[in-house]
Amino acid sequence: MIHEDVADFATALPPFRAIAGLDLGERTIGVAVSDTLLGVATPLETIRRKKFGVDAAALMAILSKRNIAGIVLGLPRNMDGSEGPRCQKTRAFARNLLPLTDLPITYWDERLSTVAAERALLEADASRKRRAEVIDHVAASYILQGVLDRLGHLKRGAS
C-alpha cells in the first residue's frame, strides 16, 4: 500500500525491522537501508537501470535478503514544492511495485538530497570517479535519514 503520509506509513511498519530508501534516477536507483531500530540510514548500493522488470527484480532481491519492512521513495519535487514529470515517474514506479510486494511504500521530499550527498563526498575528499560511483546510494541515505528522523519525532511525540 502507498502511504502519502509518513505517520500512516509508520503505523504499517512491524517493530524491529529495517526500511529501505530509494533515490530513483534516469539511469540508476540508489539504495540505502536503516538499522532495525530505525535510527540510522546507511548507503548500500546502486542499481544500474535497464527496464522496470529487471530493476524491480534486483530491488526485490535486495529487500528480501535484508528483510526490509518498508520502502521510502525520494520524491523529486520542484524547488517551489510543485510536482513535475520526475514526480510522476516516481509515483508510477511506486504503483508498478505494488503488485510485486505487500511492503508499505511512502514518499519523502528529496529536494537537495543529491546536493547534500555531493557536499559530504567532497568534504570526505572522495575522487570524482568515486563520487560518481556512490552518489546515488549516498543520496538515498539522505532521503531515508529524513524519514527516520521524522519517525523518531513521531515516536517521541506519542510517548
Protein backbone atom coordinates (compact mmCIF):
# COMPACT_ATOMS: atom_id res chain seq x y z
CA MET A 1 0.00 0.00 0.00
CA ILE A 2 1.20 3.52 -0.78
CA HIS A 3 1.05 5.92 2.16
CA GLU A 4 1.18 9.62 1.28
CA ASP A 5 1.65 10.48 4.96
CA VAL A 6 4.74 9.24 6.82
CA ALA A 7 2.70 8.90 10.03
CA ASP A 8 0.40 6.40 8.26
CA PHE A 9 3.48 4.62 6.89
CA ALA A 10 4.84 4.36 10.46
CA THR A 11 1.73 2.55 11.67
CA ALA A 12 2.10 -0.02 8.87
CA LEU A 13 5.66 -0.96 9.90
CA PRO A 14 6.32 -4.00 12.10
CA PRO A 15 8.69 -3.41 15.03
CA PHE A 16 12.43 -4.06 14.82
CA ARG A 17 12.68 -4.34 11.04
CA ALA A 18 14.74 -2.18 8.73
CA ILE A 19 13.35 0.00 5.95
CA ALA A 20 14.91 0.98 2.63
CA GLY A 21 15.28 4.35 0.94
CA LEU A 22 15.45 4.74 -2.83
CA ASP A 23 16.79 7.55 -4.97
CA LEU A 24 15.31 6.97 -8.43
CA GLY A 25 17.36 8.43 -11.25
CA GLU A 26 17.10 8.13 -15.00
CA ARG A 27 20.00 5.66 -15.18
CA THR A 28 20.33 4.38 -11.61
CA ILE A 29 18.48 3.56 -8.40
CA GLY A 30 20.37 4.41 -5.24
CA VAL A 31 19.53 2.10 -2.33
CA ALA A 32 20.06 2.76 1.37
CA VAL A 33 18.89 0.76 4.39
CA SER A 34 18.20 1.57 8.01
CA ASP A 35 19.11 -0.31 11.15
CA THR A 36 16.34 -2.29 12.86
CA LEU A 37 15.82 0.47 15.46
CA LEU A 38 15.07 2.92 12.62
CA GLY A 39 17.73 5.34 13.76
CA VAL A 40 20.50 5.38 11.15
CA ALA A 41 20.47 5.21 7.35
CA THR A 42 23.39 3.55 5.59
CA PRO A 43 24.16 3.78 1.85
CA LEU A 44 24.04 0.28 0.38
CA GLU A 45 24.37 0.08 -3.40
CA THR A 46 23.37 1.47 -6.76
CA ILE A 47 21.31 -0.50 -9.26
CA ARG A 48 22.03 0.33 -12.92
CA ARG A 49 18.63 0.75 -14.55
CA LYS A 50 17.67 -1.38 -17.51
CA LYS A 51 13.91 -1.85 -17.73
CA PHE A 52 11.33 -1.97 -14.98
CA GLY A 53 11.10 -5.76 -14.67
CA VAL A 54 14.87 -6.19 -14.35
CA ASP A 55 15.18 -3.20 -11.99
CA ALA A 56 12.31 -4.42 -9.81
CA ALA A 57 13.75 -7.95 -9.62
CA ALA A 58 17.13 -6.58 -8.49
CA LEU A 59 15.43 -4.35 -5.94
CA MET A 60 13.18 -7.12 -4.60
CA ALA A 61 16.22 -9.38 -4.18
CA ILE A 62 17.94 -6.73 -2.04
CA LEU A 63 14.81 -6.09 0.02
CA SER A 64 14.23 -9.79 0.61
CA LYS A 65 17.87 -10.51 1.54
CA ARG A 66 17.83 -7.63 4.06
CA ASN A 67 14.36 -8.49 5.47
CA ILE A 68 13.16 -4.97 4.71
CA ALA A 69 9.78 -3.91 6.16
CA GLY A 70 9.01 -0.77 4.12
CA ILE A 71 10.12 1.36 1.18
CA VAL A 72 10.74 5.10 1.05
CA LEU A 73 10.94 6.69 -2.39
CA GLY A 74 12.56 10.07 -2.79
CA LEU A 75 10.00 12.40 -4.39
CA PRO A 76 11.84 14.93 -6.59
CA ARG A 77 9.65 17.99 -6.13
CA ASN A 78 10.48 21.25 -7.85
CA MET A 79 12.08 23.91 -5.67
CA ASP A 80 8.70 25.67 -5.34
CA GLY A 81 7.18 22.43 -3.95
CA SER A 82 5.19 21.59 -7.06
CA GLU A 83 5.32 18.19 -8.74
CA GLY A 84 6.64 17.83 -12.27
CA PRO A 85 7.34 14.96 -14.64
CA ARG A 86 10.02 13.40 -12.39
CA CYS A 87 7.49 13.13 -9.53
CA GLN A 88 5.03 11.49 -11.91
CA LYS A 89 7.69 8.93 -12.88
CA THR A 90 8.41 8.20 -9.21
CA ARG A 91 4.71 7.75 -8.44
CA ALA A 92 4.37 5.45 -11.48
CA PHE A 93 7.34 3.40 -10.24
CA ALA A 94 5.63 3.01 -6.84
CA ARG A 95 2.35 1.96 -8.47
CA ASN A 96 4.23 -0.58 -10.61
CA LEU A 97 5.89 -2.01 -7.48
CA LEU A 98 2.55 -2.60 -5.74
CA PRO A 99 1.74 -5.91 -7.47
CA LEU A 100 5.24 -7.21 -6.65
CA THR A 101 5.26 -6.57 -2.90
CA ASP A 102 2.99 -6.06 0.06
CA LEU A 103 5.53 -3.80 1.78
CA PRO A 104 4.24 -0.35 2.71
CA ILE A 105 5.59 2.42 0.48
CA THR A 106 5.87 6.14 1.21
CA TYR A 107 7.45 9.22 -0.31
CA TRP A 108 9.89 11.76 1.09
CA ASP A 109 10.68 15.16 -0.38
CA GLU A 110 14.17 14.71 -1.77
CA ARG A 111 14.92 18.30 -2.74
CA LEU A 112 18.64 18.92 -2.38
CA SER A 113 19.46 15.38 -1.21
CA THR A 114 21.91 14.90 -4.10
CA VAL A 115 23.46 18.30 -3.37
CA ALA A 116 23.92 17.32 0.29
CA ALA A 117 25.39 13.95 -0.72
CA GLU A 118 27.78 15.62 -3.17
CA ARG A 119 28.89 18.09 -0.48
CA ALA A 120 29.52 15.28 2.02
CA LEU A 121 31.56 13.35 -0.53
CA LEU A 122 33.60 16.44 -1.38
CA GLU A 123 34.26 17.03 2.32
CA ALA A 124 35.39 13.41 2.58
CA ASP A 125 37.82 14.17 -0.26
CA ALA A 126 36.32 11.46 -2.49
CA SER A 127 37.69 11.46 -6.02
CA ARG A 128 35.44 12.43 -8.92
CA LYS A 129 35.34 8.79 -10.02
CA ARG A 130 34.41 7.61 -6.51
CA ARG A 131 31.72 10.30 -6.17
CA ALA A 132 30.17 9.15 -9.45
CA GLU A 133 30.13 5.55 -8.19
CA VAL A 134 28.44 6.25 -4.86
CA ILE A 135 26.43 9.49 -5.22
CA ASP A 136 23.10 7.75 -5.82
CA HIS A 137 23.12 5.47 -2.78
CA VAL A 138 24.55 8.25 -0.61
CA ALA A 139 21.64 10.46 -1.76
CA ALA A 140 19.27 7.57 -0.93
CA SER A 141 20.69 7.54 2.61
CA TYR A 142 19.93 11.28 2.97
CA ILE A 143 16.35 10.62 1.85
CA LEU A 144 16.00 7.68 4.25
CA GLN A 145 17.58 9.57 7.15
CA GLY A 146 14.96 12.30 6.73
CA VAL A 147 12.20 9.73 7.17
CA LEU A 148 13.98 8.08 10.10
CA ASP A 149 14.29 11.44 11.84
CA ARG A 150 10.59 12.10 11.24
CA LEU A 151 9.67 8.65 12.59
CA GLY A 152 11.76 9.36 15.68
CA HIS A 153 9.88 12.64 16.26
CA LEU A 154 6.55 10.84 15.83
CA LYS A 155 7.58 8.18 18.35
CA ARG A 156 8.73 10.76 20.90
CA GLY A 157 5.51 12.72 20.41
CA ALA A 158 3.43 9.61 21.13
CA SER A 159 5.21 8.80 24.40
